[in-house]
C-alpha atoms as a PDB file:
ATOM      1  CA  MET A   1    -182.616-291.712  29.924  1.00  0.00           C
ATOM      2  CA  ASP A   2    -183.032-292.729  26.294  1.00  0.00           C
ATOM      3  CA  SER A   3    -180.834-291.388  23.514  1.00  0.00           C
ATOM      4  CA  ALA A   4    -181.903-287.926  22.412  1.00  0.00           C
ATOM      5  CA  ASN A   5    -182.284-288.998  18.788  1.00  0.00           C
ATOM      6  CA  GLN A   6    -185.471-290.810  19.821  1.00  0.00           C
ATOM      7  CA  LEU A   7    -186.968-287.342  20.325  1.00  0.00           C
ATOM      8  CA  ARG A   8    -186.177-286.162  16.805  1.00  0.00           C
ATOM      9  CA  SER A   9    -188.839-284.068  15.117  1.00  0.00           C
ATOM     10  CA  GLY A  10    -188.157-285.549  11.705  1.00  0.00           C
ATOM     11  CA  LYS A  11    -186.851-282.250  10.369  1.00  0.00           C
ATOM     12  CA  GLY A  12    -183.654-282.577   8.363  1.00  0.00           C
ATOM     13  CA  HIS A  13    -181.148-280.371   6.588  1.00  0.00           C
ATOM     14  CA  LYS A  14    -183.286-280.275   3.434  1.00  0.00           C
ATOM     15  CA  ASP A  15    -186.156-278.667   5.389  1.00  0.00           C
ATOM     16  CA  GLU A  16    -184.280-275.507   6.341  1.00  0.00           C
ATOM     17  CA  ASN A  17    -184.757-272.015   4.853  1.00  0.00           C
ATOM     18  CA  PHE A  18    -181.171-272.082   3.638  1.00  0.00           C
ATOM     19  CA  PRO A  19    -178.848-274.685   2.110  1.00  0.00           C
ATOM     20  CA  VAL A  20    -176.953-276.862   4.578  1.00  0.00           C
ATOM     21  CA  ALA A  21    -173.763-278.338   3.118  1.00  0.00           C
ATOM     22  CA  SER A  22    -175.316-278.426  -0.346  1.00  0.00           C
ATOM     23  CA  ARG A  23    -173.548-280.035  -3.289  1.00  0.00           C
ATOM     24  CA  VAL A  24    -171.976-276.648  -3.970  1.00  0.00           C
ATOM     25  CA  ILE A  25    -169.755-277.123  -0.908  1.00  0.00           C
ATOM     26  CA  ALA A  26    -166.546-279.064  -1.569  1.00  0.00           C
ATOM     27  CA  PRO A  27    -167.050-282.778  -0.809  1.00  0.00           C
ATOM     28  CA  ARG A  28    -164.150-282.809   1.673  1.00  0.00           C
ATOM     29  CA  HIS A  29    -166.098-280.409   3.912  1.00  0.00           C
ATOM     30  CA  ARG A  30    -169.646-281.740   3.593  1.00  0.00           C
ATOM     31  CA  ALA A  31    -169.434-284.680   6.024  1.00  0.00           C
ATOM     32  CA  LEU A  32    -168.115-282.522   8.867  1.00  0.00           C
ATOM     33  CA  ILE A  33    -170.709-279.786   8.272  1.00  0.00           C
ATOM     34  CA  LEU A  34    -173.498-282.375   8.177  1.00  0.00           C
ATOM     35  CA  ALA A  35    -172.216-283.959  11.403  1.00  0.00           C
ATOM     36  CA  PHE A  36    -172.366-280.509  13.000  1.00  0.00           C
ATOM     37  CA  TYR A  37    -175.862-279.950  11.622  1.00  0.00           C
ATOM     38  CA  GLU A  38    -177.151-283.293  12.978  1.00  0.00           C
ATOM     39  CA  PHE A  39    -175.734-282.481  16.403  1.00  0.00           C
ATOM     40  CA  VAL A  40    -177.388-279.057  16.375  1.00  0.00           C
ATOM     41  CA  ARG A  41    -180.641-280.543  15.039  1.00  0.00           C
ATOM     42  CA  VAL A  42    -180.962-283.094  17.838  1.00  0.00           C
ATOM     43  CA  ALA A  43    -180.178-280.394  20.424  1.00  0.00           C
ATOM     44  CA  ASP A  44    -182.802-278.124  18.848  1.00  0.00           C
ATOM     45  CA  ASP A  45    -185.362-280.924  18.946  1.00  0.00           C
ATOM     46  CA  ILE A  46    -184.689-281.382  22.663  1.00  0.00           C
ATOM     47  CA  ALA A  47    -185.092-277.672  23.381  1.00  0.00           C
ATOM     48  CA  ASP A  48    -188.281-277.462  21.303  1.00  0.00           C
ATOM     49  CA  HIS A  49    -189.879-280.687  22.537  1.00  0.00           C
ATOM     50  CA  ALA A  50    -193.444-279.896  23.560  1.00  0.00           C
ATOM     51  CA  THR A  51    -193.754-282.417  26.421  1.00  0.00           C
ATOM     52  CA  LEU A  52    -190.334-282.329  28.090  1.00  0.00           C
ATOM     53  CA  GLY A  53    -189.947-280.131  31.139  1.00  0.00           C
ATOM     54  CA  ALA A  54    -187.140-277.592  31.448  1.00  0.00           C
ATOM     55  CA  THR A  55    -185.179-279.753  33.905  1.00  0.00           C
ATOM     56  CA  GLU A  56    -185.144-282.760  31.586  1.00  0.00           C
ATOM     57  CA  LYS A  57    -184.265-280.615  28.586  1.00  0.00           C
ATOM     58  CA  LEU A  58    -181.264-279.193  30.423  1.00  0.00           C
ATOM     59  CA  ALA A  59    -180.169-282.658  31.556  1.00  0.00           C
ATOM     60  CA  ARG A  60    -180.324-283.991  28.002  1.00  0.00           C
ATOM     61  CA  LEU A  61    -178.428-281.004  26.620  1.00  0.00           C
ATOM     62  CA  ASP A  62    -175.795-281.475  29.317  1.00  0.00           C
ATOM     63  CA  ARG A  63    -175.377-285.116  28.290  1.00  0.00           C
ATOM     64  CA  LEU A  64    -175.006-284.116  24.642  1.00  0.00           C
ATOM     65  CA  GLU A  65    -172.211-281.745  25.617  1.00  0.00           C
ATOM     66  CA  ALA A  66    -170.562-284.335  27.864  1.00  0.00           C
ATOM     67  CA  ASN A  67    -170.544-286.870  25.018  1.00  0.00           C
ATOM     68  CA  LEU A  68    -169.169-284.251  22.628  1.00  0.00           C
ATOM     69  CA  LEU A  69    -166.331-283.619  25.085  1.00  0.00           C
ATOM     70  CA  GLY A  70    -165.552-287.334  25.389  1.00  0.00           C
ATOM     71  CA  ARG A  71    -167.456-288.130  28.563  1.00  0.00           C
ATOM     72  CA  GLY A  72    -169.756-290.946  27.472  1.00  0.00           C
ATOM     73  CA  ASP A  73    -171.006-292.425  24.205  1.00  0.00           C
ATOM     74  CA  GLU A  74    -174.795-292.491  24.644  1.00  0.00           C
ATOM     75  CA  GLU A  75    -175.624-289.822  22.053  1.00  0.00           C
ATOM     76  CA  PRO A  76    -174.657-290.903  18.518  1.00  0.00           C
ATOM     77  CA  GLU A  77    -174.808-287.392  17.026  1.00  0.00           C
ATOM     78  CA  ALA A  78    -172.379-286.123  19.672  1.00  0.00           C
ATOM     79  CA  VAL A  79    -170.062-289.087  19.203  1.00  0.00           C
ATOM     80  CA  ARG A  80    -170.014-288.628  15.400  1.00  0.00           C
ATOM     81  CA  LEU A  81    -169.271-284.931  15.659  1.00  0.00           C
ATOM     82  CA  ARG A  82    -166.570-285.552  18.254  1.00  0.00           C
ATOM     83  CA  ALA A  83    -164.853-287.986  15.895  1.00  0.00           C
ATOM     84  CA  ALA A  84    -165.238-285.684  12.890  1.00  0.00           C
ATOM     85  CA  LEU A  85    -163.759-282.748  14.796  1.00  0.00           C
ATOM     86  CA  ALA A  86    -160.870-284.897  16.009  1.00  0.00           C
ATOM     87  CA  GLU A  87    -160.039-285.859  12.415  1.00  0.00           C
ATOM     88  CA  ARG A  88    -159.603-282.168  11.572  1.00  0.00           C
ATOM     89  CA  GLY A  89    -157.967-281.230  14.853  1.00  0.00           C
ATOM     90  CA  MET A  90    -160.776-278.743  15.532  1.00  0.00           C
ATOM     91  CA  PRO A  91    -161.984-277.820  19.031  1.00  0.00           C
ATOM     92  CA  PRO A  92    -165.670-278.223  20.031  1.00  0.00           C
ATOM     93  CA  THR A  93    -166.015-274.483  20.770  1.00  0.00           C
ATOM     94  CA  HIS A  94    -168.758-273.673  18.262  1.00  0.00           C
ATOM     95  CA  PRO A  95    -171.089-276.604  18.997  1.00  0.00           C
ATOM     96  CA  CYS A  96    -170.683-275.936  22.723  1.00  0.00           C
ATOM     97  CA  ASP A  97    -171.659-272.302  22.116  1.00  0.00           C
ATOM     98  CA  VAL A  98    -174.800-273.378  20.256  1.00  0.00           C
ATOM     99  CA  LEU A  99    -175.814-275.500  23.251  1.00  0.00           C
ATOM    100  CA  LYS A 100    -175.901-272.307  25.336  1.00  0.00           C
ATOM    101  CA  ALA A 101    -178.731-271.045  23.121  1.00  0.00           C
ATOM    102  CA  PHE A 102    -180.679-274.267  23.497  1.00  0.00           C
ATOM    103  CA  ARG A 103    -180.311-274.079  27.263  1.00  0.00           C
ATOM    104  CA  LEU A 104    -181.811-270.596  27.046  1.00  0.00           C
ATOM    105  CA  ASP A 105    -184.674-272.006  24.964  1.00  0.00           C
ATOM    106  CA  ALA A 106    -185.390-274.503  27.714  1.00  0.00           C
ATOM    107  CA  ILE A 107    -185.918-271.818  30.361  1.00  0.00           C
ATOM    108  CA  LYS A 108    -186.445-268.410  28.711  1.00  0.00           C
ATOM    109  CA  LEU A 109    -189.808-267.649  27.113  1.00  0.00           C
ATOM    110  CA  ARG A 110    -189.697-263.867  26.533  1.00  0.00           C
ATOM    111  CA  TYR A 111    -187.182-261.335  25.216  1.00  0.00           C
ATOM    112  CA  ALA A 112    -187.310-257.787  26.539  1.00  0.00           C
ATOM    113  CA  ASN A 113    -185.611-255.925  23.692  1.00  0.00           C
ATOM    114  CA  TRP A 114    -183.395-256.078  20.613  1.00  0.00           C
ATOM    115  CA  ASP A 115    -180.213-256.384  22.666  1.00  0.00           C
ATOM    116  CA  GLU A 116    -181.536-259.520  24.389  1.00  0.00           C
ATOM    117  CA  LEU A 117    -182.512-260.972  21.022  1.00  0.00           C
ATOM    118  CA  ILE A 118    -179.056-260.333  19.567  1.00  0.00           C
ATOM    119  CA  ASP A 119    -177.508-261.842  22.686  1.00  0.00           C
ATOM    120  CA  TYR A 120    -179.497-265.005  21.966  1.00  0.00           C
ATOM    121  CA  CYS A 121    -178.321-264.949  18.326  1.00  0.00           C
ATOM    122  CA  ARG A 122    -174.752-264.713  19.590  1.00  0.00           C
ATOM    123  CA  TYR A 123    -175.124-268.366  20.598  1.00  0.00           C
ATOM    124  CA  SER A 124    -177.965-269.717  18.441  1.00  0.00           C
ATOM    125  CA  ALA A 125    -176.794-268.459  15.038  1.00  0.00           C
ATOM    126  CA  MET A 126    -173.371-266.841  14.978  1.00  0.00           C
ATOM    127  CA  PRO A 127    -171.404-269.981  15.968  1.00  0.00           C
ATOM    128  CA  VAL A 128    -172.933-271.820  12.998  1.00  0.00           C
ATOM    129  CA  GLY A 129    -171.461-269.399  10.476  1.00  0.00           C
ATOM    130  CA  ARG A 130    -168.164-269.294  12.324  1.00  0.00           C
ATOM    131  CA  PHE A 131    -167.981-273.080  12.303  1.00  0.00           C
ATOM    132  CA  VAL A 132    -168.490-273.271   8.519  1.00  0.00           C
ATOM    133  CA  LEU A 133    -165.837-270.604   7.993  1.00  0.00           C
ATOM    134  CA  ASP A 134    -163.382-272.462  10.235  1.00  0.00           C
ATOM    135  CA  VAL A 135    -164.032-275.728   8.388  1.00  0.00           C
ATOM    136  CA  HIS A 136    -163.026-273.932   5.182  1.00  0.00           C
ATOM    137  CA  GLY A 137    -159.955-272.411   6.793  1.00  0.00           C
ATOM    138  CA  GLU A 138    -161.221-268.860   6.265  1.00  0.00           C
ATOM    139  CA  ASP A 139    -159.708-265.890   8.075  1.00  0.00           C
ATOM    140  CA  ARG A 140    -161.427-264.699  11.244  1.00  0.00           C
ATOM    141  CA  SER A 141    -161.815-261.266   9.663  1.00  0.00           C
ATOM    142  CA  THR A 142    -164.844-262.818   7.936  1.00  0.00           C
ATOM    143  CA  TRP A 143    -166.605-263.414  11.245  1.00  0.00           C
ATOM    144  CA  ALA A 144    -168.178-259.936  11.556  1.00  0.00           C
ATOM    145  CA  ALA A 145    -170.080-260.173   8.266  1.00  0.00           C
ATOM    146  CA  SER A 146    -170.970-263.798   8.982  1.00  0.00           C
ATOM    147  CA  ASP A 147    -172.291-262.921  12.446  1.00  0.00           C
ATOM    148  CA  ALA A 148    -174.558-260.247  10.955  1.00  0.00           C
ATOM    149  CA  LEU A 149    -175.898-262.577   8.254  1.00  0.00           C
ATOM    150  CA  CYS A 150    -176.507-265.439  10.688  1.00  0.00           C
ATOM    151  CA  ALA A 151    -178.305-263.178  13.161  1.00  0.00           C
ATOM    152  CA  ALA A 152    -180.542-261.896  10.349  1.00  0.00           C
ATOM    153  CA  LEU A 153    -181.379-265.468   9.341  1.00  0.00           C
ATOM    154  CA  GLN A 154    -182.289-266.283  12.928  1.00  0.00           C
ATOM    155  CA  ILE A 155    -184.552-263.265  13.350  1.00  0.00           C
ATOM    156  CA  ASN A 156    -186.212-263.971  10.001  1.00  0.00           C
ATOM    157  CA  ASN A 157    -187.007-267.392  11.399  1.00  0.00           C
ATOM    158  CA  HIS A 158    -188.363-265.888  14.622  1.00  0.00           C
ATOM    159  CA  MET A 159    -190.788-263.745  12.610  1.00  0.00           C
ATOM    160  CA  GLN A 160    -191.795-266.582  10.284  1.00  0.00           C
ATOM    161  CA  ASP A 161    -192.505-269.018  13.124  1.00  0.00           C
ATOM    162  CA  CYS A 162    -193.824-266.598  15.758  1.00  0.00           C
ATOM    163  CA  ALA A 163    -197.274-268.215  15.854  1.00  0.00           C
ATOM    164  CA  LYS A 164    -195.947-271.775  16.040  1.00  0.00           C
ATOM    165  CA  ASP A 165    -193.405-270.890  18.745  1.00  0.00           C
ATOM    166  CA  PHE A 166    -196.162-269.350  20.878  1.00  0.00           C
ATOM    167  CA  ARG A 167    -198.726-272.071  20.216  1.00  0.00           C
ATOM    168  CA  ASP A 168    -196.415-275.026  20.796  1.00  0.00           C
ATOM    169  CA  LEU A 169    -193.982-273.703  23.392  1.00  0.00           C
ATOM    170  CA  ASN A 170    -195.352-270.421  24.773  1.00  0.00           C
ATOM    171  CA  ARG A 171    -192.088-268.921  23.533  1.00  0.00           C
ATOM    172  CA  VAL A 172    -192.056-265.390  22.115  1.00  0.00           C
ATOM    173  CA  TYR A 173    -189.134-263.777  20.333  1.00  0.00           C
ATOM    174  CA  ILE A 174    -191.101-260.703  19.244  1.00  0.00           C
ATOM    175  CA  THR A 175    -189.614-258.379  21.830  1.00  0.00           C
ATOM    176  CA  GLU A 176    -191.665-257.096  24.721  1.00  0.00           C
ATOM    177  CA  ASP A 177    -190.707-253.461  24.145  1.00  0.00           C
ATOM    178  CA  ARG A 178    -191.991-253.555  20.563  1.00  0.00           C
ATOM    179  CA  LEU A 179    -195.222-255.256  21.623  1.00  0.00           C
ATOM    180  CA  ALA A 180    -195.754-252.643  24.336  1.00  0.00           C
ATOM    181  CA  ALA A 181    -194.965-249.742  22.013  1.00  0.00           C
ATOM    182  CA  ARG A 182    -197.644-250.922  19.592  1.00  0.00           C
ATOM    183  CA  GLY A 183    -200.193-251.763  22.275  1.00  0.00           C
ATOM    184  CA  ALA A 184    -200.081-255.493  21.440  1.00  0.00           C
ATOM    185  CA  LYS A 185    -199.876-258.501  23.755  1.00  0.00           C
ATOM    186  CA  ALA A 186    -197.979-261.749  23.343  1.00  0.00           C
ATOM    187  CA  ASP A 187    -201.100-263.913  23.643  1.00  0.00           C
ATOM    188  CA  GLU A 188    -202.405-262.372  20.388  1.00  0.00           C
ATOM    189  CA  LEU A 189    -199.945-264.703  18.663  1.00  0.00           C
ATOM    190  CA  GLY A 190    -202.468-267.474  19.281  1.00  0.00           C
ATOM    191  CA  ALA A 191    -205.014-265.904  16.930  1.00  0.00           C
ATOM    192  CA  SER A 192    -205.654-266.971  13.344  1.00  0.00           C
ATOM    193  CA  GLN A 193    -204.450-263.632  12.031  1.00  0.00           C
ATOM    194  CA  SER A 194    -202.574-260.661  13.433  1.00  0.00           C
ATOM    195  CA  SER A 195    -204.256-257.581  14.785  1.00  0.00           C
ATOM    196  CA  PRO A 196    -202.939-254.324  13.280  1.00  0.00           C
ATOM    197  CA  ALA A 197    -201.016-253.682  16.502  1.00  0.00           C
ATOM    198  CA  LEU A 198    -199.404-257.128  16.562  1.00  0.00           C
ATOM    199  CA  LEU A 199    -198.504-256.991  12.870  1.00  0.00           C
ATOM    200  CA  ALA A 200    -196.864-253.614  13.411  1.00  0.00           C
ATOM    201  CA  ALA A 201    -194.871-255.011  16.361  1.00  0.00           C
ATOM    202  CA  ILE A 202    -193.662-257.971  14.289  1.00  0.00           C
ATOM    203  CA  ARG A 203    -192.700-255.705  11.405  1.00  0.00           C
ATOM    204  CA  ASP A 204    -190.790-253.409  13.739  1.00  0.00           C
ATOM    205  CA  LEU A 205    -188.122-256.142  13.701  1.00  0.00           C
ATOM    206  CA  ILE A 206    -187.714-255.826   9.923  1.00  0.00           C
ATOM    207  CA  PRO A 207    -185.623-252.605   9.656  1.00  0.00           C
ATOM    208  CA  PRO A 208    -182.893-253.718  12.094  1.00  0.00           C
ATOM    209  CA  THR A 209    -182.893-257.143  10.424  1.00  0.00           C
ATOM    210  CA  GLU A 210    -182.361-255.438   7.059  1.00  0.00           C
ATOM    211  CA  GLN A 211    -179.426-253.593   8.586  1.00  0.00           C
ATOM    212  CA  LEU A 212    -177.934-256.925   9.627  1.00  0.00           C
ATOM    213  CA  LEU A 213    -178.370-258.292   6.105  1.00  0.00           C
ATOM    214  CA  ARG A 214    -176.598-255.254   4.651  1.00  0.00           C
ATOM    215  CA  ALA A 215    -173.785-255.673   7.185  1.00  0.00           C
ATOM    216  CA  GLY A 216    -173.469-259.294   6.043  1.00  0.00           C
ATOM    217  CA  GLU A 217    -173.305-258.498   2.323  1.00  0.00           C
ATOM    218  CA  PRO A 218    -169.467-258.361   2.103  1.00  0.00           C
ATOM    219  CA  LEU A 219    -169.139-261.988   3.231  1.00  0.00           C
ATOM    220  CA  ALA A 220    -169.439-263.505  -0.244  1.00  0.00           C
ATOM    221  CA  THR A 221    -166.460-261.484  -1.455  1.00  0.00           C
ATOM    222  CA  GLN A 222    -164.433-261.902   1.741  1.00  0.00           C
ATOM    223  CA  VAL A 223    -164.205-265.700   1.723  1.00  0.00           C
ATOM    224  CA  ARG A 224    -161.449-267.307  -0.306  1.00  0.00           C
ATOM    225  CA  ASP A 225    -163.303-270.512  -1.198  1.00  0.00           C
ATOM    226  CA  ILE A 226    -165.337-269.860  -4.345  1.00  0.00           C
ATOM    227  CA  ARG A 227    -167.805-272.665  -3.610  1.00  0.00           C
ATOM    228  CA  LEU A 228    -168.486-271.193  -0.189  1.00  0.00           C
ATOM    229  CA  ALA A 229    -168.891-267.738  -1.753  1.00  0.00           C
ATOM    230  CA  MET A 230    -171.587-269.120  -4.052  1.00  0.00           C
ATOM    231  CA  GLU A 231    -173.389-270.792  -1.158  1.00  0.00           C
ATOM    232  CA  VAL A 232    -173.252-267.573   0.854  1.00  0.00           C
ATOM    233  CA  ARG A 233    -174.884-265.629  -1.982  1.00  0.00           C
ATOM    234  CA  VAL A 234    -177.692-268.190  -2.196  1.00  0.00           C
ATOM    235  CA  ILE A 235    -178.307-267.780   1.530  1.00  0.00           C
ATOM    236  CA  GLN A 236    -178.247-263.984   1.250  1.00  0.00           C
ATOM    237  CA  ILE A 237    -180.791-263.971  -1.574  1.00  0.00           C
ATOM    238  CA  TYR A 238    -183.071-266.382   0.307  1.00  0.00           C
ATOM    239  CA  ALA A 239    -182.907-264.114   3.356  1.00  0.00           C
ATOM    240  CA  ASP A 240    -183.769-261.025   1.295  1.00  0.00           C
ATOM    241  CA  LYS A 241    -186.743-262.753  -0.326  1.00  0.00           C
ATOM    242  CA  ILE A 242    -188.080-264.036   3.001  1.00  0.00           C
ATOM    243  CA  LEU A 243    -187.842-260.553   4.478  1.00  0.00           C
ATOM    244  CA  ALA A 244    -189.795-259.239   1.489  1.00  0.00           C
ATOM    245  CA  LEU A 245    -192.546-261.775   2.238  1.00  0.00           C
ATOM    246  CA  LEU A 246    -192.631-260.668   5.863  1.00  0.00           C
ATOM    247  CA  LYS A 247    -193.104-257.055   4.784  1.00  0.00           C
ATOM    248  CA  ASN A 248    -196.241-257.944   2.845  1.00  0.00           C
ATOM    249  CA  ARG A 249    -197.774-260.948   4.583  1.00  0.00           C
ATOM    250  CA  ASP A 250    -199.142-261.840   7.986  1.00  0.00           C
ATOM    251  CA  PRO A 251    -197.121-264.704   9.526  1.00  0.00           C
ATOM    252  CA  LEU A 252    -200.151-265.794  11.553  1.00  0.00           C
ATOM    253  CA  ARG A 253    -202.350-266.159   8.471  1.00  0.00           C
ATOM    254  CA  ASP A 254    -200.157-266.391   5.367  1.00  0.00           C
ATOM    255  CA  VAL A 255    -197.331-268.544   4.046  1.00  0.00           C
ATOM    256  CA  VAL A 256    -194.067-266.722   4.663  1.00  0.00           C
ATOM    257  CA  HIS A 257    -191.723-269.458   3.465  1.00  0.00           C
ATOM    258  CA  LEU A 258    -190.239-269.845   0.005  1.00  0.00           C
ATOM    259  CA  SER A 259    -191.792-272.494  -2.197  1.00  0.00           C
ATOM    260  CA  SER A 260    -189.694-275.237  -3.793  1.00  0.00           C
ATOM    261  CA  TRP A 261    -189.664-273.525  -7.176  1.00  0.00           C
ATOM    262  CA  GLU A 262    -188.725-270.187  -5.583  1.00  0.00           C
ATOM    263  CA  MET A 263    -185.843-271.822  -3.755  1.00  0.00           C
ATOM    264  CA  MET A 264    -184.674-273.369  -7.012  1.00  0.00           C
ATOM    265  CA  LEU A 265    -184.966-270.097  -8.954  1.00  0.00           C
ATOM    266  CA  TYR A 266    -183.358-267.925  -6.298  1.00  0.00           C
ATOM    267  CA  GLY A 267    -180.745-270.598  -5.701  1.00  0.00           C
ATOM    268  CA  LEU A 268    -179.641-270.406  -9.329  1.00  0.00           C
ATOM    269  CA  MET A 269    -179.589-266.624  -9.086  1.00  0.00           C
ATOM    270  CA  GLY A 270    -177.452-266.864  -5.981  1.00  0.00           C
ATOM    271  CA  LEU A 271    -174.962-269.257  -7.550  1.00  0.00           C
ATOM    272  CA  ALA A 272    -174.492-266.993 -10.561  1.00  0.00           C
ATOM    273  CA  SER A 273    -174.256-263.883  -8.388  1.00  0.00           C
ATOM    274  CA  GLY A 274    -171.773-265.508  -6.013  1.00  0.00           C
ATOM    275  CA  LEU A 275    -169.545-266.619  -8.872  1.00  0.00           C
ATOM    276  CA  TYR A 276    -169.630-263.164 -10.457  1.00  0.00           C
ATOM    277  CA  ARG A 277    -168.982-261.276  -7.222  1.00  0.00           C
ATOM    278  CA  HIS A 278    -166.148-263.553  -6.217  1.00  0.00           C
ATOM    279  CA  ALA A 279    -164.502-263.087  -9.601  1.00  0.00           C
ATOM    280  CA  THR A 280    -164.993-259.336  -9.973  1.00  0.00           C
ATOM    281  CA  GLN A 281    -165.509-257.749  -6.560  1.00  0.00           C
ATOM    282  CA  ARG A 282    -163.141-259.671  -4.313  1.00  0.00           C
ATOM    283  CA  PRO A 283    -160.466-257.277  -3.007  1.00  0.00           C
ATOM    284  CA  ARG A 284    -157.205-257.737  -4.904  1.00  0.00           C
ATOM    285  CA  GLU A 285    -155.060-258.094  -1.789  1.00  0.00           C
ATOM    286  CA  ILE A 286    -157.397-260.854  -0.501  1.00  0.00           C
ATOM    287  CA  ARG A 287    -157.475-262.598  -3.896  1.00  0.00           C
ATOM    288  CA  ALA A 288    -153.704-262.756  -3.854  1.00  0.00           C
ATOM    289  CA  ALA A 289    -153.620-264.280  -0.350  1.00  0.00           C
END
């Protein structure tokens, strides 16, 4: 079995819908966060590989985890993250949790309802936010808002990429109950544009995703690290703008990703907003901690 990095898609941290360890983050934290991202990226590329069968995907994900836990050195991303975690004295809990989501991706192609989707996010998205918070030494009381924000980001991505996921992997995150309620079928995701029924089913995921975003709003004022607070606000604004695109565009036909200039503009807005909120809205008892 070759190293998993030979299966890389070519996607990197600069291609995401949100900043990953941007220059806003303190330099002492960036290398560890990037090592985590590269580990997650290679695992994601395994799970999303179009020609690998489920059995081989699971075997490769198992080897990544084994290397992360010190059993073998075949996977460089796992070895680098293992060393980076050891330097900080951090356990591999969060990256191991993320691997559970990728194992699901290897074998699970449909999601029955919102609860199943959130259960997936519990492993695919929430550990990522928790990891970044732990790297910064933030209190675990921040996890609830972070979990909500990360789940919203994940579901945004499911809606944005619903056609590609179906076309490339026959994987559908638009839940079966919403498709059925609207009289739509999963195979309509292979069309060049959405039928009214399919578009309605996709957009049925928007209100609960908005609720998650609102539940995640306090995070920027909860974290102690001002750089992290600014990064969080950028992510929150990106998520809001993407959701606005999804309300007005068809993800099968239209572009529902932010352009480079939009990311720059909204990024600057987020930095300013994060700085202001951290300075003026952070609870006094937390500021004094």
